[in-house]
Protein backbone atom coordinates (compact mmCIF):
# COMPACT_ATOMS: atom_id res chain seq x y z
CA UNK A 1 0.00 0.00 0.00
CA UNK A 2 2.78 2.44 0.78
CA UNK A 3 4.83 1.79 -2.36
CA UNK A 4 1.87 2.51 -4.61
CA UNK A 5 -0.36 4.52 -2.27
CA UNK A 6 2.03 7.29 -1.26
CA UNK A 7 3.03 8.37 -4.79
CA UNK A 8 -0.58 8.01 -5.91
CA UNK A 9 -1.78 10.14 -2.98
CA UNK A 10 0.84 12.80 -3.74
CA UNK A 11 -0.19 12.84 -7.41
CA UNK A 12 -3.85 13.09 -6.42
CA UNK A 13 -3.11 15.97 -4.03
CA UNK A 14 -1.16 17.87 -6.71
CA UNK A 15 -3.97 17.27 -9.23
CA UNK A 16 -6.54 18.48 -6.70
CA UNK A 17 -4.59 21.66 -5.97
CA UNK A 18 -4.12 22.37 -9.67
CA UNK A 19 -7.83 21.80 -10.31
CA UNK A 20 -8.71 24.34 -7.59
CA UNK A 21 -6.56 26.92 -9.34
CA UNK A 22 -7.08 26.14 -13.03
CA UNK A 23 -10.40 24.27 -12.95
CA UNK A 24 -12.74 27.28 -13.15
CA UNK A 25 -10.98 28.83 -16.19
CA UNK A 26 -13.23 27.22 -18.88
CA UNK A 27 -16.37 28.06 -16.91
CA UNK A 28 -15.29 31.66 -16.35
CA UNK A 29 -14.39 32.06 -20.01
CA UNK A 30 -17.71 30.60 -21.15
CA UNK A 31 -19.61 32.85 -18.74
CA UNK A 32 -17.77 35.94 -20.03
CA UNK A 33 -18.43 34.85 -23.62
CA UNK A 34 -22.17 34.67 -22.90
CA UNK A 35 -22.13 38.09 -21.19
CA UNK A 36 -20.30 39.70 -24.13
CA UNK A 37 -22.55 37.85 -26.63
CA UNK A 38 -19.55 36.27 -28.37
CA UNK A 39 -18.08 39.63 -29.47
CA UNK A 40 -15.17 40.17 -27.08
CA UNK A 41 -12.84 37.38 -28.18
CA UNK A 42 -11.32 34.74 -25.94
CA UNK A 43 -9.24 37.08 -23.80
CA UNK A 44 -12.01 39.65 -23.35
CA UNK A 45 -14.52 36.94 -22.44
CA UNK A 46 -12.16 35.53 -19.85
CA UNK A 47 -11.44 38.93 -18.25
CA UNK A 48 -15.12 39.92 -18.03
CA UNK A 49 -16.12 36.48 -16.77
CA UNK A 50 -13.34 36.40 -14.17
CA UNK A 51 -14.20 39.87 -12.84
CA UNK A 52 -17.92 39.11 -12.54
CA UNK A 53 -17.30 35.65 -11.07
CA UNK A 54 -14.88 36.97 -8.42
CA UNK A 55 -17.24 39.83 -7.53
CA UNK A 56 -20.03 37.28 -7.06
CA UNK A 57 -17.83 35.15 -4.81
CA UNK A 58 -16.69 38.12 -2.69
CA UNK A 59 -19.93 40.06 -2.41
CA UNK A 60 -22.41 37.25 -1.75
CA UNK A 61 -21.25 35.29 1.33
CA UNK A 62 -23.03 31.90 1.12
CA UNK A 63 -23.93 31.96 -2.55
CA UNK A 64 -20.29 32.85 -3.32
CA UNK A 65 -19.15 29.42 -2.13
CA UNK A 66 -21.78 27.83 -4.38
CA UNK A 67 -20.64 30.02 -7.29
CA UNK A 68 -17.06 28.92 -6.77
CA UNK A 69 -18.10 25.26 -6.50
CA UNK A 70 -20.26 25.50 -9.64
CA UNK A 71 -17.43 27.15 -11.58
CA UNK A 72 -14.96 24.59 -10.31
CA UNK A 73 -17.11 21.60 -11.25
CA UNK A 74 -18.19 23.02 -14.60
CA UNK A 75 -14.69 24.16 -15.53
CA UNK A 76 -12.98 20.93 -14.48
CA UNK A 77 -15.58 19.03 -16.47
CA UNK A 78 -14.73 21.26 -19.43
CA UNK A 79 -11.04 20.38 -19.11
CA UNK A 80 -11.80 16.67 -18.92
CA UNK A 81 -14.26 16.79 -21.82
CA UNK A 82 -11.82 18.73 -24.01
CA UNK A 83 -8.99 16.31 -23.23
CA UNK A 84 -11.28 13.36 -23.99
CA UNK A 85 -12.36 14.83 -27.34
CA UNK A 86 -8.82 15.66 -28.37
CA UNK A 87 -7.64 12.18 -27.43
CA UNK A 88 -10.47 10.40 -29.22
CA UNK A 89 -10.31 12.40 -32.47
CA UNK A 90 -6.54 12.46 -32.93
CA UNK A 91 -5.06 9.07 -33.82
CA UNK A 92 -1.87 7.96 -32.18
CA UNK A 93 0.92 8.94 -34.54
CA UNK A 94 3.45 6.43 -33.30
CA UNK A 95 3.53 2.76 -32.51
CA UNK A 96 3.30 1.56 -28.94
CA UNK A 97 6.70 -0.13 -29.28
CA UNK A 98 9.48 0.55 -31.75
CA UNK A 99 10.05 -2.02 -34.50
CA UNK A 100 13.26 -3.18 -32.85
CA UNK A 101 11.31 -4.33 -29.78
CA UNK A 102 8.54 -6.23 -31.56
CA UNK A 103 8.81 -9.89 -32.51
CA UNK A 104 8.34 -10.77 -36.13
CA UNK A 105 6.41 -13.92 -37.00
CA UNK A 106 8.44 -16.23 -39.22
CA UNK A 107 7.13 -17.05 -42.67
CA UNK A 108 5.29 -20.38 -42.77
CA UNK A 109 6.11 -22.50 -45.83
CA UNK A 110 3.22 -23.55 -48.07
CA UNK A 111 3.89 -27.28 -47.60
CA UNK A 112 4.20 -27.12 -43.81
CA UNK A 113 2.17 -29.68 -41.85
CA UNK A 114 1.54 -29.98 -38.14
CA UNK A 115 4.32 -32.10 -36.62
CA UNK A 116 3.48 -35.58 -35.33
CA UNK A 117 5.59 -37.71 -33.01
CA UNK A 118 7.98 -40.17 -34.61
CA UNK A 119 6.26 -43.33 -35.87
CA UNK A 120 8.17 -45.54 -33.42
CA UNK A 121 6.45 -43.86 -30.48
CA UNK A 122 2.98 -44.57 -31.90
CA UNK A 123 1.42 -47.95 -31.15
CA UNK A 124 0.65 -50.13 -34.11
CA UNK A 125 -3.06 -50.14 -34.73
CA UNK A 126 -4.73 -52.38 -37.27
CA UNK A 127 -6.01 -50.44 -40.22
CA UNK A 128 -3.75 -47.43 -39.72
CA UNK A 129 -1.33 -46.65 -42.51
CA UNK A 130 0.59 -43.89 -40.72
CA UNK A 131 2.38 -46.33 -38.36
CA UNK A 132 5.14 -48.04 -40.28
CA UNK A 133 8.36 -49.85 -39.56
CA UNK A 134 11.41 -47.75 -39.01
CA UNK A 135 14.77 -48.83 -40.24
CA UNK A 136 16.56 -47.14 -37.33
CA UNK A 137 14.72 -49.21 -34.67
CA UNK A 138 17.19 -51.34 -32.74
CA UNK A 139 15.25 -54.51 -33.40
CA UNK A 140 14.21 -53.58 -36.90
CA UNK A 141 10.65 -54.47 -36.04
CA UNK A 142 7.43 -52.52 -35.87
CA UNK A 143 6.13 -51.78 -32.39
CA UNK A 144 3.95 -54.46 -30.83
CA UNK A 145 0.25 -54.32 -31.61
CA UNK A 146 -0.73 -53.62 -27.97
CA UNK A 147 1.81 -51.59 -25.99
CA UNK A 148 -0.40 -51.85 -22.94
CA UNK A 149 0.25 -55.56 -22.60
CA UNK A 150 2.99 -56.04 -20.04
CA UNK A 151 4.42 -59.16 -21.67
CA UNK A 152 5.41 -57.14 -24.75
CA UNK A 153 7.34 -54.58 -22.72
CA UNK A 154 8.89 -57.07 -20.38
CA UNK A 155 8.58 -54.78 -17.34
CA UNK A 156 5.70 -56.30 -15.44
CA UNK A 157 3.75 -59.44 -14.74
CA UNK A 158 2.66 -61.56 -17.66
CA UNK A 159 -0.74 -62.36 -16.20
CA UNK A 160 -3.38 -61.41 -18.81
CA UNK A 161 -5.88 -60.37 -16.12
CA UNK A 162 -3.63 -57.53 -14.92
CA UNK A 163 -3.08 -56.00 -18.37
CA UNK A 164 -4.04 -52.35 -18.92
CA UNK A 165 -5.28 -50.86 -22.16
CA UNK A 166 -3.63 -47.87 -23.79
CA UNK A 167 -4.79 -45.14 -26.12
CA UNK A 168 -3.29 -44.27 -29.54
CA UNK A 169 -0.35 -42.51 -27.87
CA UNK A 170 0.59 -45.43 -25.63
CA UNK A 171 -0.75 -43.84 -22.46
CA UNK A 172 -2.67 -46.08 -20.05
CA UNK A 173 -6.44 -45.65 -19.95
CA UNK A 174 -8.72 -46.62 -17.12
C-alpha atoms as a PDB file:
ATOM      1  CA  UNK A   1       0.000   0.000   0.000  1.00  0.00           C
ATOM      2  CA  UNK A   2       2.784   2.443   0.780  1.00  0.00           C
ATOM      3  CA  UNK A   3       4.832   1.792  -2.361  1.00  0.00           C
ATOM      4  CA  UNK A   4       1.869   2.515  -4.610  1.00  0.00           C
ATOM      5  CA  UNK A   5      -0.362   4.516  -2.275  1.00  0.00           C
ATOM      6  CA  UNK A   6       2.028   7.286  -1.259  1.00  0.00           C
ATOM      7  CA  UNK A   7       3.030   8.369  -4.786  1.00  0.00           C
ATOM      8  CA  UNK A   8      -0.578   8.009  -5.912  1.00  0.00           C
ATOM      9  CA  UNK A   9      -1.783  10.138  -2.983  1.00  0.00           C
ATOM     10  CA  UNK A  10       0.844  12.797  -3.743  1.00  0.00           C
ATOM     11  CA  UNK A  11      -0.191  12.842  -7.412  1.00  0.00           C
ATOM     12  CA  UNK A  12      -3.850  13.091  -6.416  1.00  0.00           C
ATOM     13  CA  UNK A  13      -3.106  15.974  -4.034  1.00  0.00           C
ATOM     14  CA  UNK A  14      -1.161  17.872  -6.708  1.00  0.00           C
ATOM     15  CA  UNK A  15      -3.969  17.274  -9.229  1.00  0.00           C
ATOM     16  CA  UNK A  16      -6.545  18.476  -6.699  1.00  0.00           C
ATOM     17  CA  UNK A  17      -4.589  21.663  -5.965  1.00  0.00           C
ATOM     18  CA  UNK A  18      -4.122  22.373  -9.673  1.00  0.00           C
ATOM     19  CA  UNK A  19      -7.827  21.803 -10.314  1.00  0.00           C
ATOM     20  CA  UNK A  20      -8.714  24.342  -7.588  1.00  0.00           C
ATOM     21  CA  UNK A  21      -6.555  26.923  -9.345  1.00  0.00           C
ATOM     22  CA  UNK A  22      -7.077  26.142 -13.034  1.00  0.00           C
ATOM     23  CA  UNK A  23     -10.395  24.266 -12.945  1.00  0.00           C
ATOM     24  CA  UNK A  24     -12.743  27.275 -13.153  1.00  0.00           C
ATOM     25  CA  UNK A  25     -10.984  28.825 -16.185  1.00  0.00           C
ATOM     26  CA  UNK A  26     -13.226  27.223 -18.880  1.00  0.00           C
ATOM     27  CA  UNK A  27     -16.374  28.061 -16.905  1.00  0.00           C
ATOM     28  CA  UNK A  28     -15.294  31.665 -16.351  1.00  0.00           C
ATOM     29  CA  UNK A  29     -14.387  32.060 -20.012  1.00  0.00           C
ATOM     30  CA  UNK A  30     -17.713  30.602 -21.149  1.00  0.00           C
ATOM     31  CA  UNK A  31     -19.615  32.854 -18.741  1.00  0.00           C
ATOM     32  CA  UNK A  32     -17.770  35.944 -20.028  1.00  0.00           C
ATOM     33  CA  UNK A  33     -18.435  34.849 -23.622  1.00  0.00           C
ATOM     34  CA  UNK A  34     -22.170  34.670 -22.899  1.00  0.00           C
ATOM     35  CA  UNK A  35     -22.133  38.086 -21.185  1.00  0.00           C
ATOM     36  CA  UNK A  36     -20.297  39.698 -24.127  1.00  0.00           C
ATOM     37  CA  UNK A  37     -22.546  37.850 -26.631  1.00  0.00           C
ATOM     38  CA  UNK A  38     -19.552  36.270 -28.368  1.00  0.00           C
ATOM     39  CA  UNK A  39     -18.084  39.631 -29.467  1.00  0.00           C
ATOM     40  CA  UNK A  40     -15.172  40.174 -27.077  1.00  0.00           C
ATOM     41  CA  UNK A  41     -12.836  37.381 -28.181  1.00  0.00           C
ATOM     42  CA  UNK A  42     -11.323  34.744 -25.942  1.00  0.00           C
ATOM     43  CA  UNK A  43      -9.236  37.084 -23.799  1.00  0.00           C
ATOM     44  CA  UNK A  44     -12.014  39.655 -23.346  1.00  0.00           C
ATOM     45  CA  UNK A  45     -14.521  36.943 -22.443  1.00  0.00           C
ATOM     46  CA  UNK A  46     -12.158  35.532 -19.847  1.00  0.00           C
ATOM     47  CA  UNK A  47     -11.444  38.929 -18.254  1.00  0.00           C
ATOM     48  CA  UNK A  48     -15.124  39.923 -18.030  1.00  0.00           C
ATOM     49  CA  UNK A  49     -16.125  36.478 -16.769  1.00  0.00           C
ATOM     50  CA  UNK A  50     -13.343  36.399 -14.168  1.00  0.00           C
ATOM     51  CA  UNK A  51     -14.197  39.871 -12.837  1.00  0.00           C
ATOM     52  CA  UNK A  52     -17.924  39.113 -12.544  1.00  0.00           C
ATOM     53  CA  UNK A  53     -17.302  35.654 -11.069  1.00  0.00           C
ATOM     54  CA  UNK A  54     -14.880  36.973  -8.422  1.00  0.00           C
ATOM     55  CA  UNK A  55     -17.244  39.825  -7.528  1.00  0.00           C
ATOM     56  CA  UNK A  56     -20.033  37.283  -7.059  1.00  0.00           C
ATOM     57  CA  UNK A  57     -17.831  35.147  -4.808  1.00  0.00           C
ATOM     58  CA  UNK A  58     -16.686  38.124  -2.688  1.00  0.00           C
ATOM     59  CA  UNK A  59     -19.925  40.063  -2.410  1.00  0.00           C
ATOM     60  CA  UNK A  60     -22.414  37.248  -1.754  1.00  0.00           C
ATOM     61  CA  UNK A  61     -21.250  35.292   1.328  1.00  0.00           C
ATOM     62  CA  UNK A  62     -23.031  31.904   1.124  1.00  0.00           C
ATOM     63  CA  UNK A  63     -23.929  31.960  -2.554  1.00  0.00           C
ATOM     64  CA  UNK A  64     -20.288  32.849  -3.321  1.00  0.00           C
ATOM     65  CA  UNK A  65     -19.155  29.422  -2.129  1.00  0.00           C
ATOM     66  CA  UNK A  66     -21.780  27.826  -4.376  1.00  0.00           C
ATOM     67  CA  UNK A  67     -20.636  30.018  -7.288  1.00  0.00           C
ATOM     68  CA  UNK A  68     -17.060  28.918  -6.772  1.00  0.00           C
ATOM     69  CA  UNK A  69     -18.101  25.257  -6.500  1.00  0.00           C
ATOM     70  CA  UNK A  70     -20.261  25.504  -9.637  1.00  0.00           C
ATOM     71  CA  UNK A  71     -17.433  27.153 -11.582  1.00  0.00           C
ATOM     72  CA  UNK A  72     -14.961  24.586 -10.306  1.00  0.00           C
ATOM     73  CA  UNK A  73     -17.114  21.605 -11.246  1.00  0.00           C
ATOM     74  CA  UNK A  74     -18.195  23.021 -14.601  1.00  0.00           C
ATOM     75  CA  UNK A  75     -14.688  24.159 -15.526  1.00  0.00           C
ATOM     76  CA  UNK A  76     -12.980  20.929 -14.477  1.00  0.00           C
ATOM     77  CA  UNK A  77     -15.581  19.031 -16.471  1.00  0.00           C
ATOM     78  CA  UNK A  78     -14.730  21.261 -19.432  1.00  0.00           C
ATOM     79  CA  UNK A  79     -11.036  20.385 -19.112  1.00  0.00           C
ATOM     80  CA  UNK A  80     -11.799  16.673 -18.923  1.00  0.00           C
ATOM     81  CA  UNK A  81     -14.256  16.792 -21.825  1.00  0.00           C
ATOM     82  CA  UNK A  82     -11.816  18.729 -24.010  1.00  0.00           C
ATOM     83  CA  UNK A  83      -8.987  16.305 -23.231  1.00  0.00           C
ATOM     84  CA  UNK A  84     -11.282  13.362 -23.991  1.00  0.00           C
ATOM     85  CA  UNK A  85     -12.363  14.830 -27.337  1.00  0.00           C
ATOM     86  CA  UNK A  86      -8.817  15.660 -28.369  1.00  0.00           C
ATOM     87  CA  UNK A  87      -7.636  12.182 -27.429  1.00  0.00           C
ATOM     88  CA  UNK A  88     -10.469  10.395 -29.217  1.00  0.00           C
ATOM     89  CA  UNK A  89     -10.306  12.400 -32.468  1.00  0.00           C
ATOM     90  CA  UNK A  90      -6.541  12.456 -32.927  1.00  0.00           C
ATOM     91  CA  UNK A  91      -5.058   9.073 -33.824  1.00  0.00           C
ATOM     92  CA  UNK A  92      -1.872   7.957 -32.179  1.00  0.00           C
ATOM     93  CA  UNK A  93       0.922   8.940 -34.539  1.00  0.00           C
ATOM     94  CA  UNK A  94       3.449   6.434 -33.296  1.00  0.00           C
ATOM     95  CA  UNK A  95       3.533   2.759 -32.512  1.00  0.00           C
ATOM     96  CA  UNK A  96       3.299   1.560 -28.937  1.00  0.00           C
ATOM     97  CA  UNK A  97       6.697  -0.134 -29.279  1.00  0.00           C
ATOM     98  CA  UNK A  98       9.481   0.552 -31.750  1.00  0.00           C
ATOM     99  CA  UNK A  99      10.048  -2.022 -34.500  1.00  0.00           C
ATOM    100  CA  UNK A 100      13.260  -3.176 -32.853  1.00  0.00           C
ATOM    101  CA  UNK A 101      11.307  -4.330 -29.781  1.00  0.00           C
ATOM    102  CA  UNK A 102       8.540  -6.233 -31.561  1.00  0.00           C
ATOM    103  CA  UNK A 103       8.812  -9.892 -32.506  1.00  0.00           C
ATOM    104  CA  UNK A 104       8.336 -10.767 -36.128  1.00  0.00           C
ATOM    105  CA  UNK A 105       6.411 -13.918 -37.001  1.00  0.00           C
ATOM    106  CA  UNK A 106       8.444 -16.234 -39.219  1.00  0.00           C
ATOM    107  CA  UNK A 107       7.127 -17.051 -42.667  1.00  0.00           C
ATOM    108  CA  UNK A 108       5.286 -20.376 -42.772  1.00  0.00           C
ATOM    109  CA  UNK A 109       6.112 -22.496 -45.831  1.00  0.00           C
ATOM    110  CA  UNK A 110       3.219 -23.550 -48.070  1.00  0.00           C
ATOM    111  CA  UNK A 111       3.886 -27.283 -47.598  1.00  0.00           C
ATOM    112  CA  UNK A 112       4.197 -27.120 -43.806  1.00  0.00           C
ATOM    113  CA  UNK A 113       2.170 -29.682 -41.847  1.00  0.00           C
ATOM    114  CA  UNK A 114       1.536 -29.976 -38.142  1.00  0.00           C
ATOM    115  CA  UNK A 115       4.318 -32.101 -36.618  1.00  0.00           C
ATOM    116  CA  UNK A 116       3.481 -35.579 -35.329  1.00  0.00           C
ATOM    117  CA  UNK A 117       5.593 -37.706 -33.010  1.00  0.00           C
ATOM    118  CA  UNK A 118       7.979 -40.174 -34.611  1.00  0.00           C
ATOM    119  CA  UNK A 119       6.257 -43.334 -35.867  1.00  0.00           C
ATOM    120  CA  UNK A 120       8.172 -45.545 -33.424  1.00  0.00           C
ATOM    121  CA  UNK A 121       6.447 -43.858 -30.481  1.00  0.00           C
ATOM    122  CA  UNK A 122       2.983 -44.573 -31.898  1.00  0.00           C
ATOM    123  CA  UNK A 123       1.420 -47.951 -31.146  1.00  0.00           C
ATOM    124  CA  UNK A 124       0.654 -50.129 -34.111  1.00  0.00           C
ATOM    125  CA  UNK A 125      -3.059 -50.142 -34.725  1.00  0.00           C
ATOM    126  CA  UNK A 126      -4.726 -52.376 -37.265  1.00  0.00           C
ATOM    127  CA  UNK A 127      -6.011 -50.444 -40.220  1.00  0.00           C
ATOM    128  CA  UNK A 128      -3.746 -47.430 -39.721  1.00  0.00           C
ATOM    129  CA  UNK A 129      -1.333 -46.647 -42.513  1.00  0.00           C
ATOM    130  CA  UNK A 130       0.590 -43.890 -40.717  1.00  0.00           C
ATOM    131  CA  UNK A 131       2.380 -46.328 -38.361  1.00  0.00           C
ATOM    132  CA  UNK A 132       5.137 -48.036 -40.279  1.00  0.00           C
ATOM    133  CA  UNK A 133       8.360 -49.853 -39.562  1.00  0.00           C
ATOM    134  CA  UNK A 134      11.410 -47.746 -39.011  1.00  0.00           C
ATOM    135  CA  UNK A 135      14.769 -48.827 -40.240  1.00  0.00           C
ATOM    136  CA  UNK A 136      16.556 -47.140 -37.327  1.00  0.00           C
ATOM    137  CA  UNK A 137      14.715 -49.214 -34.674  1.00  0.00           C
ATOM    138  CA  UNK A 138      17.189 -51.343 -32.741  1.00  0.00           C
ATOM    139  CA  UNK A 139      15.254 -54.513 -33.402  1.00  0.00           C
ATOM    140  CA  UNK A 140      14.213 -53.584 -36.904  1.00  0.00           C
ATOM    141  CA  UNK A 141      10.654 -54.466 -36.040  1.00  0.00           C
ATOM    142  CA  UNK A 142       7.434 -52.519 -35.873  1.00  0.00           C
ATOM    143  CA  UNK A 143       6.129 -51.780 -32.391  1.00  0.00           C
ATOM    144  CA  UNK A 144       3.947 -54.462 -30.825  1.00  0.00           C
ATOM    145  CA  UNK A 145       0.250 -54.316 -31.605  1.00  0.00           C
ATOM    146  CA  UNK A 146      -0.725 -53.621 -27.966  1.00  0.00           C
ATOM    147  CA  UNK A 147       1.815 -51.594 -25.989  1.00  0.00           C
ATOM    148  CA  UNK A 148      -0.401 -51.849 -22.938  1.00  0.00           C
ATOM    149  CA  UNK A 149       0.249 -55.562 -22.596  1.00  0.00           C
ATOM    150  CA  UNK A 150       2.993 -56.045 -20.039  1.00  0.00           C
ATOM    151  CA  UNK A 151       4.425 -59.164 -21.671  1.00  0.00           C
ATOM    152  CA  UNK A 152       5.407 -57.138 -24.746  1.00  0.00           C
ATOM    153  CA  UNK A 153       7.344 -54.581 -22.719  1.00  0.00           C
ATOM    154  CA  UNK A 154       8.888 -57.070 -20.379  1.00  0.00           C
ATOM    155  CA  UNK A 155       8.582 -54.778 -17.342  1.00  0.00           C
ATOM    156  CA  UNK A 156       5.695 -56.297 -15.445  1.00  0.00           C
ATOM    157  CA  UNK A 157       3.748 -59.444 -14.738  1.00  0.00           C
ATOM    158  CA  UNK A 158       2.660 -61.559 -17.657  1.00  0.00           C
ATOM    159  CA  UNK A 159      -0.743 -62.357 -16.204  1.00  0.00           C
ATOM    160  CA  UNK A 160      -3.379 -61.413 -18.813  1.00  0.00           C
ATOM    161  CA  UNK A 161      -5.876 -60.373 -16.123  1.00  0.00           C
ATOM    162  CA  UNK A 162      -3.627 -57.525 -14.920  1.00  0.00           C
ATOM    163  CA  UNK A 163      -3.079 -56.001 -18.368  1.00  0.00           C
ATOM    164  CA  UNK A 164      -4.043 -52.352 -18.916  1.00  0.00           C
ATOM    165  CA  UNK A 165      -5.276 -50.860 -22.157  1.00  0.00           C
ATOM    166  CA  UNK A 166      -3.629 -47.866 -23.792  1.00  0.00           C
ATOM    167  CA  UNK A 167      -4.790 -45.143 -26.121  1.00  0.00           C
ATOM    168  CA  UNK A 168      -3.293 -44.272 -29.536  1.00  0.00           C
ATOM    169  CA  UNK A 169      -0.346 -42.509 -27.868  1.00  0.00           C
ATOM    170  CA  UNK A 170       0.593 -45.430 -25.628  1.00  0.00           C
ATOM    171  CA  UNK A 171      -0.754 -43.835 -22.461  1.00  0.00           C
ATOM    172  CA  UNK A 172      -2.666 -46.084 -20.049  1.00  0.00           C
ATOM    173  CA  UNK A 173      -6.442 -45.654 -19.950  1.00  0.00           C
ATOM    174  CA  UNK A 174      -8.718 -46.625 -17.123  1.00  0.00           C
END
